[in-house]
Amino acid sequence: MKKAINIIVVIVIVLVAIYFISNMSLNSQINKLMKSLKQSGYATTISEIKPVSTQENRKAAEIIATAYQEITKGNEDKQNVWNQNIRIADSINYTDNPQLFNQINSENKTVIDLLLEAAKYPQADFGYKYQDGYNAEIPKLIPALVKFCRILRIYAKQLIAQGKTEQGFDVLKQTVRLANISQDNTVFFHLIKAVALTSTFNLIQSSAEKASIASLESLITCIEKIDPRSSMMQGIQNEIIIGTNAFDNDKNFAHNVLNNLEPRTIPIRVYCSFLNFVPFKKYGELKFIRTSKKSLELTKKPYFESKEKWIKLDKSFHKRLDMFSPNLMILAQRTENLEARKNITLLGLNAIIYKKKFGHLPNSLNDLMSNIPIDPYSGKQYIYKKLADGFMIYGVGADGKNDNGNSETDIVWTVKI
């Protein structure tokens, strides 16, 4: 009996020693990683990433909140019909269904005026509470920006179709500004911006040849301020800080992890229960920071150089920690896709301006500007071709293959002039 007790005591002592030693080792590695991030110039505390709230950016958010109240009026059936009409009108031309466009723009005049007013502000403070970590509620106004941009695009389409091109392009400029208005930047917010901006770039491309040089130049100035890569880096950096605070301070951490995972199978429930034990939680935190730090380093490189490393990094990321960051490959691809579309839009707008100024198309992209942007998917210059009735500019797309301007796989802008 005494021997058995001694064995139990030894086992307990060993387990306690393992507990404290592993905890000390993991804490040391975490602190070393965070110190490395700080030395690299990244923020490491909530106070460093939380934007300053001002009367101006609160005012912008208040205007957008009023617009949100307007679009959420009515019962569920009315809302569903309204949402469906908005999606349809955003996907077709004005001439396909003028009555639908007239109805939408008439019913949403107040909303349109509010959104155009809000877009004049450089940023909006939607009250996102970084300090609450993963318990922070996502402001409803953030995902609503996608819908707001749809409304403005529909209005711009009608104006342009009715010959009010300058007004239409001013609305498109404000749509670009509105998509990028949130002063907060997490990975989720970054992806919301990317969705809203990509669709707006597509509409700009389809109607740019109708606008004046002044309108195009003003739009170029607005688009040039967008920096998808920097936004992605900021989002990942912020996720690291929010994530580490959740690991360290969230008393209901295991419960919150479970709530963010689907499906909630027995193995996942068992996994989450282990997160209540400090060493397991610390290991998860270490893995999360290490992977996020590597993704920050990869973001500094063009996609054609880092693609294979993104794939490897994504596969190595513990799938039970997906709640802290979306699929890394998707995140990288969507960012590069937005970067490529932004670049092609700028090149196309400059080519149209060149044609309007000199009466003929440029012979090459080098005629447009001295610093030609590089296709992030190939590392080469975008491909420019003169056509019998206009021109084509395209990049190779995510597969890295030149498919001769096939819009299914390449990122293409074809303009008829």
Protein backbone atom coordinates (compact mmCIF):
# COMPACT_ATOMS: atom_id res chain seq x y z
CA MET A 1 0.00 0.00 0.00
CA LYS A 2 2.81 2.36 0.96
CA LYS A 3 4.61 1.54 -2.26
CA ALA A 4 1.50 2.34 -4.29
CA ILE A 5 1.12 5.67 -2.51
CA ASN A 6 4.77 6.50 -3.24
CA ILE A 7 4.27 5.69 -6.90
CA ILE A 8 1.20 7.92 -7.02
CA VAL A 9 3.10 10.75 -5.32
CA VAL A 10 5.96 10.41 -7.82
CA ILE A 11 3.53 10.46 -10.74
CA VAL A 12 1.81 13.55 -9.36
CA ILE A 13 5.16 15.30 -8.85
CA VAL A 14 6.26 14.41 -12.39
CA LEU A 15 2.97 15.63 -13.86
CA VAL A 16 3.15 18.89 -11.91
CA ALA A 17 6.76 19.35 -13.02
CA ILE A 18 5.80 18.69 -16.64
CA TYR A 19 2.91 21.13 -16.28
CA PHE A 20 5.04 23.98 -14.98
CA ILE A 21 8.07 23.29 -17.20
CA SER A 22 5.95 23.05 -20.37
CA ASN A 23 4.05 26.16 -19.36
CA MET A 24 7.29 28.08 -18.76
CA SER A 25 8.75 26.87 -22.05
CA LEU A 26 5.65 27.79 -24.05
CA ASN A 27 5.43 31.21 -22.39
CA SER A 28 9.07 31.82 -23.23
CA GLN A 29 8.54 30.92 -26.88
CA ILE A 30 5.40 33.09 -27.08
CA ASN A 31 7.18 36.06 -25.50
CA LYS A 32 10.08 35.60 -27.90
CA LEU A 33 7.74 35.61 -30.91
CA MET A 34 5.89 38.72 -29.71
CA LYS A 35 9.21 40.48 -29.05
CA SER A 36 10.30 39.56 -32.58
CA LEU A 37 7.09 41.08 -33.98
CA LYS A 38 7.66 44.27 -32.02
CA GLN A 39 11.27 44.51 -33.22
CA SER A 40 10.00 44.13 -36.79
CA GLY A 41 7.84 47.21 -36.30
CA TYR A 42 4.49 45.51 -35.74
CA ALA A 43 2.03 46.47 -33.01
CA THR A 44 1.66 43.99 -30.15
CA THR A 45 -0.97 45.58 -27.89
CA ILE A 46 -4.64 46.56 -28.25
CA SER A 47 -3.86 50.21 -27.57
CA GLU A 48 -1.53 50.28 -30.58
CA ILE A 49 -4.08 48.97 -33.08
CA LYS A 50 -7.25 50.61 -31.80
CA PRO A 51 -8.00 53.61 -34.04
CA VAL A 52 -8.56 57.02 -32.50
CA SER A 53 -12.23 57.92 -32.37
CA THR A 54 -12.99 61.46 -33.52
CA GLN A 55 -16.16 63.50 -33.89
CA GLU A 56 -15.72 63.37 -37.67
CA ASN A 57 -15.46 59.60 -38.05
CA ARG A 58 -18.29 59.06 -35.54
CA LYS A 59 -20.43 61.40 -37.63
CA ALA A 60 -19.73 59.33 -40.76
CA ALA A 61 -20.79 56.17 -38.91
CA GLU A 62 -23.97 57.88 -37.68
CA ILE A 63 -24.95 58.80 -41.25
CA ILE A 64 -24.36 55.22 -42.42
CA ALA A 65 -26.32 53.92 -39.42
CA THR A 66 -29.27 56.08 -40.49
CA ALA A 67 -29.03 54.60 -44.00
CA TYR A 68 -28.98 51.12 -42.45
CA GLN A 69 -32.19 51.86 -40.55
CA GLU A 70 -33.80 52.91 -43.81
CA ILE A 71 -32.93 49.68 -45.65
CA THR A 72 -34.05 47.43 -42.78
CA LYS A 73 -37.57 48.81 -42.55
CA GLY A 74 -40.49 46.52 -43.24
CA ASN A 75 -41.31 42.86 -42.58
CA GLU A 76 -39.17 39.88 -43.57
CA ASP A 77 -40.99 39.19 -46.84
CA LYS A 78 -40.56 42.79 -47.95
CA GLN A 79 -36.89 42.66 -47.03
CA ASN A 80 -36.35 39.47 -49.04
CA VAL A 81 -37.97 40.96 -52.15
CA TRP A 82 -35.96 44.15 -51.73
CA ASN A 83 -32.67 42.24 -51.36
CA GLN A 84 -33.44 40.11 -54.42
CA ASN A 85 -34.20 43.17 -56.54
CA ILE A 86 -30.98 44.84 -55.44
CA ARG A 87 -28.92 41.77 -56.38
CA ILE A 88 -30.64 41.49 -59.77
CA ALA A 89 -30.16 45.15 -60.66
CA ASP A 90 -26.50 45.02 -59.62
CA SER A 91 -25.90 42.13 -62.04
CA ILE A 92 -27.60 43.54 -65.17
CA ASN A 93 -27.49 46.66 -67.36
CA TYR A 94 -29.97 49.50 -67.03
CA THR A 95 -31.37 48.81 -70.49
CA ASP A 96 -32.23 45.22 -69.47
CA ASN A 97 -34.89 46.41 -67.02
CA PRO A 98 -35.25 50.21 -66.74
CA GLN A 99 -38.40 49.87 -64.66
CA LEU A 100 -36.56 47.91 -61.95
CA PHE A 101 -33.77 50.49 -61.80
CA ASN A 102 -36.22 53.38 -61.62
CA GLN A 103 -38.14 51.67 -58.84
CA ILE A 104 -35.05 50.88 -56.76
CA ASN A 105 -33.52 54.34 -57.11
CA SER A 106 -36.83 56.05 -56.38
CA GLU A 107 -37.48 53.95 -53.26
CA ASN A 108 -33.91 54.43 -52.00
CA LYS A 109 -33.40 58.13 -52.69
CA THR A 110 -32.95 58.91 -48.99
CA VAL A 111 -30.48 56.05 -48.59
CA ILE A 112 -28.50 57.12 -51.66
CA ASP A 113 -28.24 60.70 -50.42
CA LEU A 114 -27.06 59.52 -47.00
CA LEU A 115 -24.43 57.20 -48.47
CA LEU A 116 -23.06 59.88 -50.78
CA GLU A 117 -22.83 62.24 -47.83
CA ALA A 118 -21.05 59.64 -45.68
CA ALA A 119 -18.58 58.81 -48.47
CA LYS A 120 -17.23 62.35 -48.29
CA TYR A 121 -15.68 61.51 -44.92
CA PRO A 122 -12.26 59.82 -45.03
CA GLN A 123 -13.13 57.22 -42.37
CA ALA A 124 -15.98 55.99 -40.20
CA ASP A 125 -15.84 54.68 -36.62
CA PHE A 126 -18.31 51.79 -36.32
CA GLY A 127 -17.48 51.13 -32.66
CA TYR A 128 -15.69 47.81 -33.00
CA LYS A 129 -14.36 46.83 -29.55
CA TYR A 130 -10.91 45.35 -30.05
CA GLN A 131 -10.50 44.87 -26.29
CA ASP A 132 -13.32 42.28 -26.26
CA GLY A 133 -11.30 39.99 -28.52
CA TYR A 134 -13.34 37.22 -30.13
CA ASN A 135 -16.31 38.17 -27.98
CA ALA A 136 -16.46 41.52 -29.80
CA GLU A 137 -19.65 41.92 -31.79
CA ILE A 138 -19.11 42.61 -35.49
CA PRO A 139 -20.88 45.92 -36.20
CA LYS A 140 -23.79 45.27 -38.58
CA LEU A 141 -22.72 48.28 -40.62
CA ILE A 142 -19.49 46.55 -41.72
CA PRO A 143 -21.02 43.70 -43.80
CA ALA A 144 -23.79 46.11 -44.85
CA LEU A 145 -21.15 48.09 -46.80
CA VAL A 146 -21.39 45.45 -49.55
CA LYS A 147 -25.13 46.15 -49.88
CA PHE A 148 -24.61 49.90 -49.70
CA CYS A 149 -22.11 49.75 -52.58
CA ARG A 150 -24.64 47.74 -54.61
CA ILE A 151 -27.19 50.52 -54.15
CA LEU A 152 -24.74 53.18 -55.31
CA ARG A 153 -23.64 51.09 -58.31
CA ILE A 154 -27.28 50.70 -59.36
CA TYR A 155 -27.73 54.45 -59.12
CA ALA A 156 -24.53 55.07 -61.10
CA LYS A 157 -25.67 52.67 -63.85
CA GLN A 158 -28.90 54.59 -64.28
CA LEU A 159 -27.17 57.98 -64.41
CA ILE A 160 -24.66 56.80 -67.02
CA ALA A 161 -27.37 55.14 -69.13
CA GLN A 162 -29.37 58.37 -69.06
CA GLY A 163 -26.37 60.35 -70.36
CA LYS A 164 -25.48 61.85 -66.97
CA THR A 165 -22.02 60.33 -67.19
CA GLU A 166 -20.15 62.83 -65.02
CA GLN A 167 -22.68 62.43 -62.22
CA GLY A 168 -22.52 58.67 -62.60
CA PHE A 169 -18.76 58.61 -62.32
CA ASP A 170 -18.83 60.87 -59.29
CA VAL A 171 -21.14 58.29 -57.68
CA LEU A 172 -18.68 55.51 -58.62
CA LYS A 173 -15.86 57.47 -57.03
CA GLN A 174 -17.91 57.79 -53.84
CA THR A 175 -18.66 54.06 -54.04
CA VAL A 176 -14.93 53.31 -54.01
CA ARG A 177 -14.51 55.60 -51.01
CA LEU A 178 -17.45 54.04 -49.18
CA ALA A 179 -16.09 50.51 -49.65
CA ASN A 180 -12.89 51.58 -47.94
CA ILE A 181 -14.38 53.82 -45.25
CA SER A 182 -14.07 51.61 -42.16
CA GLN A 183 -11.16 52.76 -40.00
CA ASP A 184 -11.03 49.34 -38.35
CA ASN A 185 -9.16 46.56 -40.07
CA THR A 186 -9.35 42.91 -39.13
CA VAL A 187 -9.10 40.09 -41.67
CA PHE A 188 -12.91 39.97 -41.88
CA PHE A 189 -13.17 43.72 -42.52
CA HIS A 190 -10.43 43.46 -45.14
CA LEU A 191 -12.38 40.79 -47.03
CA ILE A 192 -15.57 42.89 -46.90
CA LYS A 193 -13.66 45.77 -48.54
CA ALA A 194 -12.29 43.41 -51.18
CA VAL A 195 -15.77 42.16 -52.16
CA ALA A 196 -17.21 45.68 -52.41
CA LEU A 197 -14.23 47.09 -54.34
CA THR A 198 -13.93 44.22 -56.83
CA SER A 199 -17.53 44.60 -58.02
CA THR A 200 -17.13 48.37 -58.27
CA PHE A 201 -13.97 48.02 -60.38
CA ASN A 202 -15.90 45.75 -62.74
CA LEU A 203 -18.57 48.42 -63.29
CA ILE A 204 -15.94 51.13 -63.79
CA GLN A 205 -14.30 49.02 -66.48
CA SER A 206 -17.56 48.52 -68.38
CA SER A 207 -18.35 52.23 -68.71
CA ALA A 208 -15.09 54.16 -68.38
CA GLU A 209 -14.82 55.13 -72.06
CA LYS A 210 -17.94 57.33 -71.65
CA ALA A 211 -16.43 59.58 -68.97
CA SER A 212 -14.47 62.81 -69.36
CA ILE A 213 -10.75 63.07 -68.72
CA ALA A 214 -11.41 65.07 -65.55
CA SER A 215 -13.73 62.38 -64.15
CA LEU A 216 -11.28 59.60 -65.00
CA GLU A 217 -8.33 61.43 -63.45
CA SER A 218 -10.33 62.08 -60.27
CA LEU A 219 -11.27 58.42 -60.10
CA ILE A 220 -7.65 57.35 -60.62
CA THR A 221 -6.55 59.51 -57.68
CA CYS A 222 -9.17 57.80 -55.51
CA ILE A 223 -8.25 54.25 -56.59
CA GLU A 224 -4.51 54.84 -56.17
CA LYS A 225 -5.04 55.30 -52.43
CA ILE A 226 -6.25 51.71 -52.07
CA ASP A 227 -3.51 49.35 -50.87
CA PRO A 228 -4.82 45.76 -50.63
CA ARG A 229 -1.50 44.28 -49.50
CA SER A 230 -1.07 46.80 -46.70
CA SER A 231 -4.68 46.28 -45.64
CA MET A 232 -4.15 42.52 -45.50
CA MET A 233 -0.97 42.92 -43.42
CA GLN A 234 -2.78 45.24 -41.04
CA GLY A 235 -5.64 42.78 -40.74
CA ILE A 236 -3.34 39.83 -39.92
CA GLN A 237 -1.37 41.94 -37.44
CA ASN A 238 -4.59 42.92 -35.68
CA GLU A 239 -5.76 39.30 -35.64
CA ILE A 240 -2.57 38.29 -33.83
CA ILE A 241 -3.21 40.81 -31.05
CA ILE A 242 -6.92 40.00 -30.76
CA GLY A 243 -6.14 36.26 -30.79
CA THR A 244 -3.42 36.37 -28.15
CA ASN A 245 -5.69 38.43 -25.89
CA ALA A 246 -8.39 35.81 -26.32
CA PHE A 247 -6.00 33.00 -25.41
CA ASP A 248 -4.68 34.86 -22.37
CA ASN A 249 -7.76 36.59 -20.94
CA ASP A 250 -10.91 34.82 -22.10
CA LYS A 251 -12.17 32.73 -19.18
CA ASN A 252 -14.76 31.07 -21.41
CA PHE A 253 -12.20 30.37 -24.11
CA ALA A 254 -13.05 26.68 -24.65
CA HIS A 255 -16.77 27.45 -24.85
CA ASN A 256 -16.18 30.27 -27.34
CA VAL A 257 -13.97 28.06 -29.51
CA LEU A 258 -16.71 25.44 -29.62
CA ASN A 259 -19.29 28.05 -30.62
CA ASN A 260 -17.11 29.05 -33.57
CA LEU A 261 -16.55 25.54 -34.91
CA GLU A 262 -18.82 23.47 -37.11
CA PRO A 263 -19.65 20.64 -36.95
CA ARG A 264 -19.54 20.16 -33.16
CA THR A 265 -18.58 16.50 -33.23
CA ILE A 266 -17.43 14.51 -30.21
CA PRO A 267 -13.70 14.78 -31.19
CA ILE A 268 -14.07 18.55 -31.50
CA ARG A 269 -15.84 18.75 -28.13
CA VAL A 270 -13.03 16.73 -26.53
CA TYR A 271 -10.44 18.97 -28.20
CA CYS A 272 -12.16 22.10 -26.91
CA SER A 273 -12.33 20.71 -23.38
CA PHE A 274 -8.53 20.35 -23.41
CA LEU A 275 -8.24 24.06 -24.15
CA ASN A 276 -9.23 24.67 -20.52
CA PHE A 277 -5.81 23.35 -19.50
CA VAL A 278 -3.14 26.03 -19.65
CA PRO A 279 -0.41 24.07 -21.52
CA PHE A 280 -2.82 23.06 -24.29
CA LYS A 281 -4.10 26.61 -24.54
CA LYS A 282 -0.54 27.96 -24.61
CA TYR A 283 0.44 25.50 -27.34
CA GLY A 284 -2.53 26.64 -29.40
CA GLU A 285 -1.51 30.26 -28.87
CA LEU A 286 2.08 29.53 -29.89
CA LYS A 287 0.94 27.74 -33.07
CA PHE A 288 -1.45 30.58 -33.88
CA ILE A 289 1.17 33.33 -33.46
CA ARG A 290 3.86 31.39 -35.32
CA THR A 291 1.59 30.73 -38.31
CA SER A 292 0.29 34.31 -38.35
CA LYS A 293 3.83 35.70 -38.20
CA LYS A 294 4.81 33.57 -41.20
CA SER A 295 1.76 34.82 -43.10
CA LEU A 296 2.84 38.41 -42.37
CA GLU A 297 6.24 37.66 -43.86
CA LEU A 298 4.66 36.07 -46.94
CA THR A 299 2.38 39.07 -47.46
CA LYS A 300 5.45 41.22 -48.10
CA LYS A 301 6.22 39.12 -51.17
CA PRO A 302 4.32 39.03 -54.48
CA TYR A 303 2.05 36.04 -54.84
CA PHE A 304 4.00 34.43 -57.68
CA GLU A 305 6.98 34.15 -55.32
CA SER A 306 5.07 32.99 -52.26
CA LYS A 307 2.27 30.78 -53.66
CA GLU A 308 3.86 27.44 -52.74
CA LYS A 309 4.72 28.72 -49.26
CA TRP A 310 1.13 29.88 -48.76
CA ILE A 311 -0.07 26.37 -49.69
CA LYS A 312 2.40 24.78 -47.27
CA LEU A 313 1.52 27.24 -44.51
CA ASP A 314 -2.20 26.69 -44.98
CA LYS A 315 -1.78 22.92 -44.73
CA SER A 316 0.33 23.24 -41.58
CA PHE A 317 -2.17 25.45 -39.78
CA HIS A 318 -4.02 23.49 -37.09
CA LYS A 319 -7.55 23.14 -38.46
CA ARG A 320 -9.09 23.53 -35.01
CA LEU A 321 -7.63 27.04 -34.96
CA ASP A 322 -9.34 28.06 -38.20
CA MET A 323 -11.67 30.25 -36.16
CA PHE A 324 -8.84 32.73 -35.71
CA SER A 325 -8.08 33.18 -39.37
CA PRO A 326 -9.89 32.23 -42.58
CA ASN A 327 -8.32 29.83 -45.03
CA LEU A 328 -4.91 31.38 -45.62
CA MET A 329 -4.83 30.51 -49.31
CA ILE A 330 -8.22 32.12 -49.90
CA LEU A 331 -7.12 35.21 -47.98
CA ALA A 332 -3.94 35.53 -50.06
CA GLN A 333 -5.72 34.87 -53.37
CA ARG A 334 -8.51 37.37 -52.74
CA THR A 335 -6.00 40.03 -51.79
CA GLU A 336 -3.92 39.44 -54.91
CA ASN A 337 -7.06 39.31 -57.03
CA LEU A 338 -8.07 42.74 -55.74
CA GLU A 339 -4.52 44.01 -56.30
CA ALA A 340 -4.55 42.73 -59.89
CA ARG A 341 -7.98 44.22 -60.64
CA LYS A 342 -6.95 47.53 -59.14
CA ASN A 343 -3.81 47.59 -61.31
CA ILE A 344 -5.69 46.68 -64.50
CA THR A 345 -8.34 49.30 -63.74
CA LEU A 346 -5.68 51.99 -63.33
CA LEU A 347 -3.91 50.94 -66.53
CA GLY A 348 -7.17 50.84 -68.46
CA LEU A 349 -8.27 54.26 -67.22
CA ASN A 350 -4.91 55.72 -68.19
CA ALA A 351 -5.15 54.11 -71.65
CA ILE A 352 -8.58 55.69 -72.19
CA ILE A 353 -7.25 59.08 -71.08
CA TYR A 354 -4.34 58.67 -73.51
CA LYS A 355 -6.79 57.96 -76.35
CA LYS A 356 -8.90 60.99 -75.46
CA LYS A 357 -5.82 63.24 -75.32
CA PHE A 358 -3.92 62.08 -78.40
CA GLY A 359 -6.62 60.59 -80.60
CA HIS A 360 -5.06 57.13 -80.75
CA LEU A 361 -4.31 54.27 -78.40
CA PRO A 362 -0.87 53.85 -76.80
CA ASN A 363 1.52 51.47 -78.51
CA SER A 364 2.41 49.86 -75.20
CA LEU A 365 1.75 50.23 -71.48
CA ASN A 366 5.10 52.02 -71.16
CA ASP A 367 3.51 54.98 -72.94
CA LEU A 368 1.11 55.42 -70.01
CA MET A 369 3.36 55.79 -66.99
CA SER A 370 6.95 55.33 -65.92
CA ASN A 371 6.25 52.89 -63.10
CA ILE A 372 4.09 50.12 -64.55
CA PRO A 373 2.56 47.84 -61.87
CA ILE A 374 3.53 44.18 -62.03
CA ASP A 375 1.05 41.32 -62.21
CA PRO A 376 1.23 39.69 -58.73
CA TYR A 377 0.31 36.32 -60.23
CA SER A 378 3.16 36.20 -62.76
CA GLY A 379 5.76 38.75 -61.71
CA LYS A 380 5.61 40.15 -65.24
CA GLN A 381 4.06 43.18 -66.87
CA TYR A 382 0.36 43.02 -67.71
CA ILE A 383 -0.39 42.07 -71.31
CA TYR A 384 -1.69 44.81 -73.58
CA LYS A 385 -3.22 44.17 -77.00
CA LYS A 386 -4.70 46.58 -79.51
CA LEU A 387 -7.93 45.36 -81.04
CA ALA A 388 -9.75 46.44 -84.18
CA ASP A 389 -12.30 48.33 -82.08
CA GLY A 390 -10.40 49.03 -78.85
CA PHE A 391 -7.89 47.32 -76.59
CA MET A 392 -7.42 44.54 -74.05
CA ILE A 393 -5.35 44.51 -70.87
CA TYR A 394 -5.09 41.30 -68.88
CA GLY A 395 -3.15 39.43 -66.22
CA VAL A 396 -2.73 35.69 -65.90
CA GLY A 397 -4.98 35.08 -62.88
CA ALA A 398 -4.52 32.78 -59.87
CA ASP A 399 -3.41 29.75 -61.93
CA GLY A 400 -0.37 31.67 -63.19
CA LYS A 401 -1.05 30.60 -66.79
CA ASN A 402 -1.43 32.90 -69.77
CA ASP A 403 -4.70 31.89 -71.41
CA ASN A 404 -4.60 34.70 -73.99
CA GLY A 405 -7.17 36.85 -72.26
CA ASN A 406 -9.72 34.15 -71.49
CA SER A 407 -12.02 35.88 -68.99
CA GLU A 408 -12.75 32.56 -67.27
CA THR A 409 -9.17 32.17 -66.06
CA ASP A 410 -7.33 35.44 -66.73
CA ILE A 411 -8.14 38.83 -65.21
CA VAL A 412 -9.26 40.82 -68.24
CA TRP A 413 -10.40 44.29 -69.22
CA THR A 414 -11.59 44.71 -72.79
CA VAL A 415 -12.63 48.20 -73.94
CA LYS A 416 -14.35 49.14 -77.19
CA ILE A 417 -13.52 52.65 -78.39
